[in-house]
Every structure is written in C-alpha cells, then in structure tokens.
N, C-alpha and C. Protein backbone atom coordinates (compact mmCIF):
# COMPACT_ATOMS: atom_id res chain seq x y z
N MET A 1 0.83 -1.18 0.01
CA MET A 1 0.03 -0.02 -0.01
C MET A 1 0.91 1.21 0.01
N THR A 2 0.47 2.32 -0.75
CA THR A 2 1.31 3.49 -0.82
C THR A 2 0.50 4.73 -0.39
N SER A 3 1.25 5.71 0.03
CA SER A 3 0.62 7.01 0.43
C SER A 3 0.49 7.91 -0.77
N GLU A 4 -0.04 9.10 -0.56
CA GLU A 4 -0.20 10.05 -1.66
C GLU A 4 1.16 10.40 -2.27
N ALA A 5 2.21 10.46 -1.51
CA ALA A 5 3.54 10.82 -2.01
C ALA A 5 4.21 9.63 -2.72
N GLY A 6 3.55 8.46 -2.74
CA GLY A 6 4.14 7.35 -3.47
C GLY A 6 5.03 6.54 -2.50
N LEU A 7 5.03 6.87 -1.22
CA LEU A 7 5.90 6.13 -0.31
C LEU A 7 5.12 4.95 0.28
N ALA A 8 5.81 3.91 0.62
CA ALA A 8 5.16 2.75 1.16
C ALA A 8 4.66 3.07 2.58
N THR A 9 3.43 2.64 2.87
CA THR A 9 2.91 2.82 4.23
C THR A 9 3.40 1.69 5.09
N PRO A 10 3.54 1.96 6.38
CA PRO A 10 4.00 0.87 7.27
C PRO A 10 3.10 -0.36 7.27
N GLN A 11 3.77 -1.52 7.21
CA GLN A 11 3.10 -2.75 7.30
C GLN A 11 4.06 -3.74 7.87
N ALA A 12 3.59 -4.94 8.25
CA ALA A 12 4.48 -5.90 8.82
C ALA A 12 5.62 -6.23 7.85
N LYS A 13 6.83 -6.18 8.29
CA LYS A 13 8.01 -6.43 7.51
C LYS A 13 8.49 -7.81 7.72
N SER A 14 8.99 -8.42 6.64
CA SER A 14 9.59 -9.74 6.73
C SER A 14 10.91 -9.70 7.50
N LEU A 15 11.41 -10.80 7.89
CA LEU A 15 12.68 -10.86 8.56
C LEU A 15 13.78 -10.31 7.67
N GLY A 16 13.75 -10.67 6.38
CA GLY A 16 14.77 -10.13 5.44
C GLY A 16 14.70 -8.62 5.37
N GLU A 17 13.51 -8.03 5.32
CA GLU A 17 13.36 -6.58 5.25
C GLU A 17 13.89 -5.92 6.52
N ARG A 18 13.61 -6.52 7.65
CA ARG A 18 14.09 -5.99 8.92
C ARG A 18 15.66 -6.06 9.02
N ILE A 19 16.21 -7.13 8.55
CA ILE A 19 17.68 -7.25 8.49
C ILE A 19 18.21 -6.16 7.57
N ASP A 20 17.62 -5.95 6.44
CA ASP A 20 18.03 -4.95 5.49
C ASP A 20 18.06 -3.54 6.16
N ASP A 21 16.90 -3.29 6.83
CA ASP A 21 16.75 -1.98 7.52
C ASP A 21 17.87 -1.78 8.55
N VAL A 22 18.16 -2.81 9.36
CA VAL A 22 19.14 -2.69 10.38
C VAL A 22 20.55 -2.49 9.72
N PHE A 23 20.78 -3.25 8.67
CA PHE A 23 22.11 -3.15 8.00
C PHE A 23 22.21 -1.76 7.36
N GLN A 24 21.19 -1.21 6.76
CA GLN A 24 21.25 0.13 6.18
C GLN A 24 21.52 1.20 7.24
N ARG A 25 20.87 1.12 8.36
CA ARG A 25 21.07 2.08 9.46
C ARG A 25 22.49 1.96 9.96
N PHE A 26 22.95 0.73 10.20
CA PHE A 26 24.26 0.48 10.65
C PHE A 26 25.32 0.94 9.66
N ALA A 27 25.15 0.68 8.42
CA ALA A 27 26.07 1.15 7.32
C ALA A 27 26.13 2.66 7.32
N ARG A 28 25.01 3.33 7.39
CA ARG A 28 25.02 4.82 7.36
C ARG A 28 25.77 5.34 8.59
N ALA A 29 25.49 4.76 9.75
CA ALA A 29 26.13 5.24 10.95
C ALA A 29 27.59 5.08 10.90
N ILE A 30 28.06 3.91 10.46
CA ILE A 30 29.49 3.63 10.36
C ILE A 30 30.10 4.54 9.33
N SER A 31 29.42 4.75 8.18
CA SER A 31 29.92 5.66 7.19
C SER A 31 30.10 7.08 7.70
N ILE A 32 29.18 7.51 8.50
CA ILE A 32 29.32 8.85 9.10
C ILE A 32 30.50 8.91 10.04
N VAL A 33 30.61 7.94 10.91
CA VAL A 33 31.66 7.92 11.94
C VAL A 33 33.08 7.78 11.29
N THR A 34 33.18 6.85 10.33
CA THR A 34 34.49 6.64 9.73
C THR A 34 34.92 7.69 8.77
N GLY A 35 33.99 8.57 8.35
CA GLY A 35 34.26 9.64 7.45
C GLY A 35 34.82 10.89 8.18
N LYS A 36 34.92 10.87 9.48
CA LYS A 36 35.32 12.02 10.23
C LYS A 36 36.85 12.03 10.47
N PRO A 37 37.42 13.14 10.66
CA PRO A 37 38.88 13.24 10.86
C PRO A 37 39.31 12.45 12.14
N SER A 38 38.44 12.39 13.13
CA SER A 38 38.77 11.69 14.32
C SER A 38 38.99 10.24 14.08
N ALA A 39 38.27 9.63 13.15
CA ALA A 39 38.43 8.23 12.82
C ALA A 39 39.85 7.99 12.23
N PHE A 40 40.21 8.95 11.35
CA PHE A 40 41.60 8.82 10.76
C PHE A 40 42.66 8.92 11.85
N VAL A 41 42.45 9.89 12.78
CA VAL A 41 43.45 10.04 13.87
C VAL A 41 43.54 8.77 14.69
N ILE A 42 42.39 8.17 15.00
CA ILE A 42 42.37 6.94 15.80
C ILE A 42 43.16 5.86 15.05
N ALA A 43 42.94 5.66 13.77
CA ALA A 43 43.64 4.69 12.97
C ALA A 43 45.13 4.98 12.97
N LEU A 44 45.47 6.30 12.88
CA LEU A 44 46.88 6.64 12.83
C LEU A 44 47.55 6.32 14.18
N VAL A 45 46.81 6.60 15.30
CA VAL A 45 47.33 6.33 16.62
C VAL A 45 47.57 4.82 16.79
N ILE A 46 46.60 4.00 16.30
CA ILE A 46 46.81 2.55 16.38
C ILE A 46 48.04 2.12 15.63
N LEU A 47 48.25 2.69 14.46
CA LEU A 47 49.43 2.28 13.68
C LEU A 47 50.69 2.73 14.42
N ILE A 48 50.75 3.91 15.04
CA ILE A 48 51.87 4.39 15.73
C ILE A 48 52.19 3.50 16.92
N ILE A 49 51.12 3.14 17.68
CA ILE A 49 51.29 2.24 18.83
C ILE A 49 51.84 0.91 18.39
N TRP A 50 51.26 0.39 17.31
CA TRP A 50 51.77 -0.89 16.73
C TRP A 50 53.23 -0.77 16.40
N GLY A 51 53.63 0.36 15.73
CA GLY A 51 55.04 0.51 15.33
C GLY A 51 55.95 0.60 16.53
N ILE A 52 55.49 1.35 17.55
CA ILE A 52 56.31 1.53 18.75
C ILE A 52 56.54 0.16 19.53
N THR A 53 55.52 -0.69 19.44
CA THR A 53 55.59 -1.96 20.15
C THR A 53 56.46 -2.99 19.41
N GLY A 54 56.85 -2.65 18.22
CA GLY A 54 57.67 -3.58 17.43
C GLY A 54 58.90 -4.08 18.15
N PRO A 55 59.74 -3.21 18.71
CA PRO A 55 60.99 -3.63 19.37
C PRO A 55 60.65 -4.56 20.61
N PHE A 56 59.54 -4.26 21.28
CA PHE A 56 59.19 -5.10 22.49
C PHE A 56 58.83 -6.50 22.07
N PHE A 57 58.31 -6.69 20.90
CA PHE A 57 57.93 -8.02 20.40
C PHE A 57 58.95 -8.55 19.41
N HIS A 58 60.11 -7.86 19.36
CA HIS A 58 61.21 -8.22 18.46
C HIS A 58 60.78 -8.33 16.99
N PHE A 59 59.84 -7.47 16.60
CA PHE A 59 59.30 -7.49 15.22
C PHE A 59 58.96 -8.90 14.77
N SER A 60 58.32 -9.67 15.64
CA SER A 60 58.01 -11.09 15.38
C SER A 60 56.95 -11.19 14.26
N ASP A 61 56.83 -12.43 13.82
CA ASP A 61 55.79 -12.72 12.84
C ASP A 61 54.43 -12.50 13.44
N THR A 62 54.22 -12.79 14.66
CA THR A 62 52.95 -12.58 15.33
C THR A 62 52.61 -11.13 15.40
N TRP A 63 53.61 -10.31 15.74
CA TRP A 63 53.43 -8.85 15.77
C TRP A 63 52.95 -8.31 14.40
N GLN A 64 53.57 -8.81 13.33
CA GLN A 64 53.21 -8.36 12.01
C GLN A 64 51.83 -8.94 11.64
N LEU A 65 51.57 -10.13 12.07
CA LEU A 65 50.26 -10.75 11.77
C LEU A 65 49.10 -10.00 12.41
N VAL A 66 49.36 -9.42 13.54
CA VAL A 66 48.27 -8.64 14.21
C VAL A 66 47.79 -7.48 13.35
N ILE A 67 48.74 -6.69 12.82
CA ILE A 67 48.35 -5.55 12.00
C ILE A 67 47.79 -6.03 10.65
N ASN A 68 48.38 -7.04 10.04
CA ASN A 68 47.90 -7.55 8.78
C ASN A 68 46.46 -8.11 8.92
N THR A 69 46.24 -8.87 9.94
CA THR A 69 44.89 -9.42 10.13
C THR A 69 43.86 -8.27 10.42
N GLY A 70 44.28 -7.35 11.25
CA GLY A 70 43.35 -6.26 11.62
C GLY A 70 43.00 -5.38 10.41
N THR A 71 44.01 -5.07 9.61
CA THR A 71 43.70 -4.22 8.44
C THR A 71 42.94 -5.01 7.36
N SER A 72 43.19 -6.31 7.23
CA SER A 72 42.42 -7.07 6.30
C SER A 72 41.00 -7.20 6.65
N LEU A 73 40.70 -7.40 7.96
CA LEU A 73 39.32 -7.53 8.44
C LEU A 73 38.57 -6.20 8.25
N VAL A 74 39.22 -5.11 8.62
CA VAL A 74 38.57 -3.80 8.53
C VAL A 74 38.28 -3.49 7.02
N THR A 75 39.33 -3.77 6.19
CA THR A 75 39.09 -3.52 4.76
C THR A 75 37.98 -4.37 4.17
N PHE A 76 37.95 -5.60 4.48
CA PHE A 76 36.90 -6.55 4.07
C PHE A 76 35.52 -6.04 4.45
N LEU A 77 35.37 -5.69 5.66
CA LEU A 77 34.04 -5.21 6.16
C LEU A 77 33.66 -3.86 5.58
N MET A 78 34.65 -2.98 5.44
CA MET A 78 34.37 -1.63 4.93
C MET A 78 33.92 -1.69 3.44
N VAL A 79 34.38 -2.65 2.71
CA VAL A 79 33.93 -2.76 1.28
C VAL A 79 32.41 -2.90 1.26
N PHE A 80 31.84 -3.69 2.10
CA PHE A 80 30.41 -3.91 2.15
C PHE A 80 29.68 -2.62 2.59
N LEU A 81 30.25 -2.00 3.62
CA LEU A 81 29.58 -0.77 4.13
C LEU A 81 29.65 0.39 3.11
N ILE A 82 30.79 0.48 2.43
CA ILE A 82 30.94 1.54 1.39
C ILE A 82 30.05 1.26 0.26
N GLN A 83 29.86 0.01 -0.17
CA GLN A 83 29.02 -0.38 -1.30
C GLN A 83 27.58 -0.01 -0.96
N GLU A 84 27.13 -0.36 0.32
CA GLU A 84 25.76 -0.05 0.68
C GLU A 84 25.53 1.49 0.66
N SER A 85 26.49 2.24 1.17
CA SER A 85 26.34 3.74 1.17
C SER A 85 26.25 4.22 -0.25
N GLN A 86 27.12 3.67 -1.12
CA GLN A 86 27.07 4.18 -2.56
C GLN A 86 25.77 3.75 -3.19
N ASN A 87 25.29 2.54 -2.94
CA ASN A 87 24.05 2.14 -3.55
C ASN A 87 22.86 2.98 -3.09
N HIS A 88 22.88 3.29 -1.78
CA HIS A 88 21.82 4.16 -1.24
C HIS A 88 21.88 5.55 -1.86
N ASP A 89 23.06 6.14 -1.87
CA ASP A 89 23.15 7.49 -2.39
C ASP A 89 22.85 7.49 -3.89
N THR A 90 23.20 6.53 -4.64
CA THR A 90 22.85 6.44 -6.04
C THR A 90 21.41 6.33 -6.26
N ARG A 91 20.71 5.43 -5.47
CA ARG A 91 19.25 5.36 -5.58
C ARG A 91 18.54 6.65 -5.26
N ALA A 92 19.03 7.33 -4.22
CA ALA A 92 18.45 8.61 -3.80
C ALA A 92 18.64 9.64 -4.92
N LEU A 93 19.83 9.70 -5.48
CA LEU A 93 20.12 10.63 -6.56
C LEU A 93 19.30 10.35 -7.81
N GLN A 94 19.11 9.05 -8.16
CA GLN A 94 18.32 8.63 -9.28
C GLN A 94 16.86 9.08 -9.11
N VAL A 95 16.33 8.91 -7.92
CA VAL A 95 14.92 9.36 -7.63
C VAL A 95 14.82 10.90 -7.78
N LYS A 96 15.75 11.60 -7.27
CA LYS A 96 15.72 13.06 -7.34
C LYS A 96 15.80 13.51 -8.83
N LEU A 97 16.73 12.93 -9.60
CA LEU A 97 16.88 13.26 -11.01
C LEU A 97 15.60 12.87 -11.77
N SER A 98 15.02 11.75 -11.47
CA SER A 98 13.80 11.33 -12.17
C SER A 98 12.68 12.34 -11.90
N GLU A 99 12.56 12.76 -10.65
CA GLU A 99 11.56 13.71 -10.35
C GLU A 99 11.77 15.02 -11.11
N LEU A 100 13.02 15.49 -11.20
CA LEU A 100 13.28 16.71 -11.95
C LEU A 100 12.95 16.51 -13.49
N ILE A 101 13.37 15.40 -13.98
CA ILE A 101 13.12 15.12 -15.46
C ILE A 101 11.62 15.10 -15.72
N ILE A 102 10.86 14.41 -14.88
CA ILE A 102 9.44 14.36 -15.06
C ILE A 102 8.79 15.71 -14.92
N ALA A 103 9.30 16.58 -13.99
CA ALA A 103 8.73 17.86 -13.73
C ALA A 103 9.02 18.91 -14.82
N VAL A 104 10.10 18.70 -15.58
CA VAL A 104 10.53 19.68 -16.62
C VAL A 104 9.69 19.52 -17.84
N HIS A 105 8.99 20.58 -18.26
CA HIS A 105 8.19 20.50 -19.50
C HIS A 105 9.13 20.40 -20.69
N GLY A 106 8.77 19.40 -21.55
CA GLY A 106 9.56 19.24 -22.76
C GLY A 106 10.69 18.20 -22.59
N ALA A 107 10.93 17.75 -21.38
CA ALA A 107 11.98 16.78 -21.16
C ALA A 107 11.42 15.38 -21.57
N ALA A 108 12.29 14.57 -22.04
CA ALA A 108 11.87 13.18 -22.36
C ALA A 108 11.74 12.37 -21.09
N ASN A 109 10.52 12.09 -20.69
CA ASN A 109 10.35 11.33 -19.44
C ASN A 109 10.95 9.96 -19.44
N SER A 110 11.20 9.47 -20.61
CA SER A 110 11.80 8.12 -20.75
C SER A 110 13.21 8.08 -20.14
N THR A 111 13.86 9.20 -20.04
CA THR A 111 15.26 9.26 -19.43
C THR A 111 15.14 9.13 -17.93
N ALA A 112 13.96 9.29 -17.35
CA ALA A 112 13.81 9.25 -15.91
C ALA A 112 14.12 7.83 -15.38
N ALA A 113 14.00 6.82 -16.24
CA ALA A 113 14.22 5.46 -15.83
C ALA A 113 15.45 4.84 -16.56
N ALA A 114 16.40 5.73 -16.89
CA ALA A 114 17.58 5.32 -17.71
C ALA A 114 18.41 4.25 -16.91
N GLU A 115 18.39 4.28 -15.58
CA GLU A 115 19.20 3.36 -14.85
C GLU A 115 18.75 1.84 -15.07
N ASP A 116 17.55 1.70 -15.63
CA ASP A 116 17.08 0.35 -15.90
C ASP A 116 17.35 -0.15 -17.29
N LEU A 117 17.98 0.70 -18.10
CA LEU A 117 18.32 0.32 -19.49
C LEU A 117 19.54 -0.56 -19.54
N SER A 118 19.66 -1.36 -20.65
CA SER A 118 20.88 -2.11 -20.86
C SER A 118 21.98 -1.20 -21.31
N ASP A 119 23.18 -1.66 -21.38
CA ASP A 119 24.33 -0.80 -21.83
C ASP A 119 24.10 -0.34 -23.24
N LYS A 120 23.60 -1.26 -24.12
CA LYS A 120 23.36 -0.89 -25.50
C LYS A 120 22.33 0.20 -25.61
N GLU A 121 21.19 0.07 -24.83
CA GLU A 121 20.13 1.05 -24.84
C GLU A 121 20.63 2.38 -24.27
N LEU A 122 21.53 2.34 -23.26
CA LEU A 122 22.08 3.55 -22.68
C LEU A 122 22.97 4.25 -23.76
N GLU A 123 23.78 3.48 -24.50
CA GLU A 123 24.57 4.09 -25.52
C GLU A 123 23.74 4.76 -26.58
N GLN A 124 22.68 4.12 -26.98
CA GLN A 124 21.78 4.69 -28.03
C GLN A 124 21.12 5.97 -27.48
N LEU A 125 20.66 5.93 -26.18
CA LEU A 125 20.10 7.09 -25.56
C LEU A 125 21.09 8.27 -25.47
N HIS A 126 22.34 7.88 -25.13
CA HIS A 126 23.44 8.92 -25.04
C HIS A 126 23.62 9.54 -26.40
N LYS A 127 23.72 8.72 -27.46
CA LYS A 127 23.90 9.31 -28.83
C LYS A 127 22.77 10.23 -29.17
N HIS A 128 21.53 9.80 -28.83
CA HIS A 128 20.32 10.66 -29.10
C HIS A 128 20.43 11.94 -28.39
N LEU A 129 20.79 11.94 -27.08
CA LEU A 129 20.84 13.16 -26.34
C LEU A 129 22.03 14.04 -26.78
N VAL A 130 23.12 13.48 -27.20
CA VAL A 130 24.22 14.25 -27.72
C VAL A 130 23.76 14.96 -29.01
N ALA A 131 23.01 14.26 -29.86
CA ALA A 131 22.46 14.90 -31.07
C ALA A 131 21.50 16.04 -30.75
N ARG A 132 20.63 15.82 -29.73
CA ARG A 132 19.70 16.89 -29.26
C ARG A 132 20.47 18.07 -28.75
N ALA A 133 21.53 17.78 -27.98
CA ALA A 133 22.32 18.89 -27.42
C ALA A 133 22.98 19.68 -28.53
N SER A 134 23.55 19.00 -29.57
CA SER A 134 24.15 19.70 -30.72
C SER A 134 23.08 20.55 -31.43
N GLU A 135 21.92 20.03 -31.63
CA GLU A 135 20.81 20.78 -32.28
C GLU A 135 20.49 22.02 -31.45
N THR A 136 20.38 21.90 -30.18
CA THR A 136 20.08 23.01 -29.31
C THR A 136 21.19 24.06 -29.34
N GLU A 137 22.43 23.59 -29.35
CA GLU A 137 23.60 24.54 -29.45
C GLU A 137 23.54 25.33 -30.77
N ALA A 138 23.17 24.60 -31.90
CA ALA A 138 23.13 25.21 -33.16
C ALA A 138 21.97 26.27 -33.16
N ARG A 139 20.82 25.90 -32.61
CA ARG A 139 19.70 26.86 -32.52
C ARG A 139 20.04 28.08 -31.75
N ILE A 140 20.71 27.95 -30.64
CA ILE A 140 21.13 29.07 -29.84
C ILE A 140 22.13 29.91 -30.58
N ALA A 141 23.04 29.29 -31.25
CA ALA A 141 24.00 30.10 -32.05
C ALA A 141 23.30 30.87 -33.18
N ARG A 142 22.32 30.25 -33.82
CA ARG A 142 21.56 31.00 -34.85
C ARG A 142 20.82 32.19 -34.24
N ARG A 143 20.22 32.02 -33.06
CA ARG A 143 19.53 33.09 -32.40
C ARG A 143 20.51 34.23 -32.06
N ARG A 144 21.69 33.88 -31.58
CA ARG A 144 22.67 34.91 -31.29
C ARG A 144 23.09 35.70 -32.50
N GLU A 145 23.18 34.94 -33.58
CA GLU A 145 23.62 35.59 -34.89
C GLU A 145 22.55 36.59 -35.33
N LYS A 146 21.29 36.17 -35.17
CA LYS A 146 20.21 37.06 -35.59
C LYS A 146 20.18 38.36 -34.77
N ARG A 147 20.55 38.30 -33.52
CA ARG A 147 20.56 39.48 -32.60
C ARG A 147 21.68 40.40 -33.06
N LYS A 148 22.68 40.02 -33.69
CA LYS A 148 23.85 40.85 -34.00
C LYS A 148 23.59 41.69 -35.12
C-alpha cells in the first residue's frame, strides 16, 4: 500500500526486510563515523602504537600478523559498508533526478528510468541526447547571430 507521496505505508516487514533496515542504518552510521577526521586520527594512533611496540615483540611474525589481520578484516568489512552507502546514495540521486526530469516541461520522461536500461540502450540514448544537445547549441548560435 502506498501513500499520496508514493511512499510505502508501514506494514508488517519480513525478517529479510528488517535485517536490510538494520544493515542500512548500521552502514550509514559507520559511514558517518569513519568519514570524520577523528576516525583517521584513531587509525593513525593505532598504527603508531603498533610501530612503537615492534621492538618489544622483536618485530616477530605474530606482531606483523596482528596488523595484517586487523587491516584485512577492517578492509573486508568496509567494502560492504561503502558499497551499501554508494548504492543508497545512487538510488536517492536517481529518484531526485527522475523527479526533476518528469517535472521539466519538454523533457523526455523516458530518461527518468535510464538506470534500468541495458548498456546498448544507454549508448543509444546517449547518442540521441548528444544529437539533441548539438541541435540546441546550433539553434542558440543561430539566435545569437540574428541578434547581432
């Protein structure tokens, strides 16, 4: 069921939807926290502490394994969080652009759903829009020439 604005009205969510919601909120929160300068400083301090402790552990294989494992795990998990953030931002941007395209008089509303096209269809649409842009530029140039 949808509201007047086209948004889904609350209803019972499946377990999968609830897990998705929790993951999205978690991913956004982590994205905000890790994007701050303080997160960089904390990571830098951890690296400095790790480097300073090297002589105490005689630069052992275990000492090296600690930082390698830690950075691998953080990198692995951050890939998923970054991808979720990018997917969310892209979807939001597509919705906003679609709304603008639909609202503009004379715009080709078919471009509002361009993200659903195949690569070949996107290429054809791109060529069509480039041709329209060239026609528009030529028309503007002719108008400027008439004014002179």
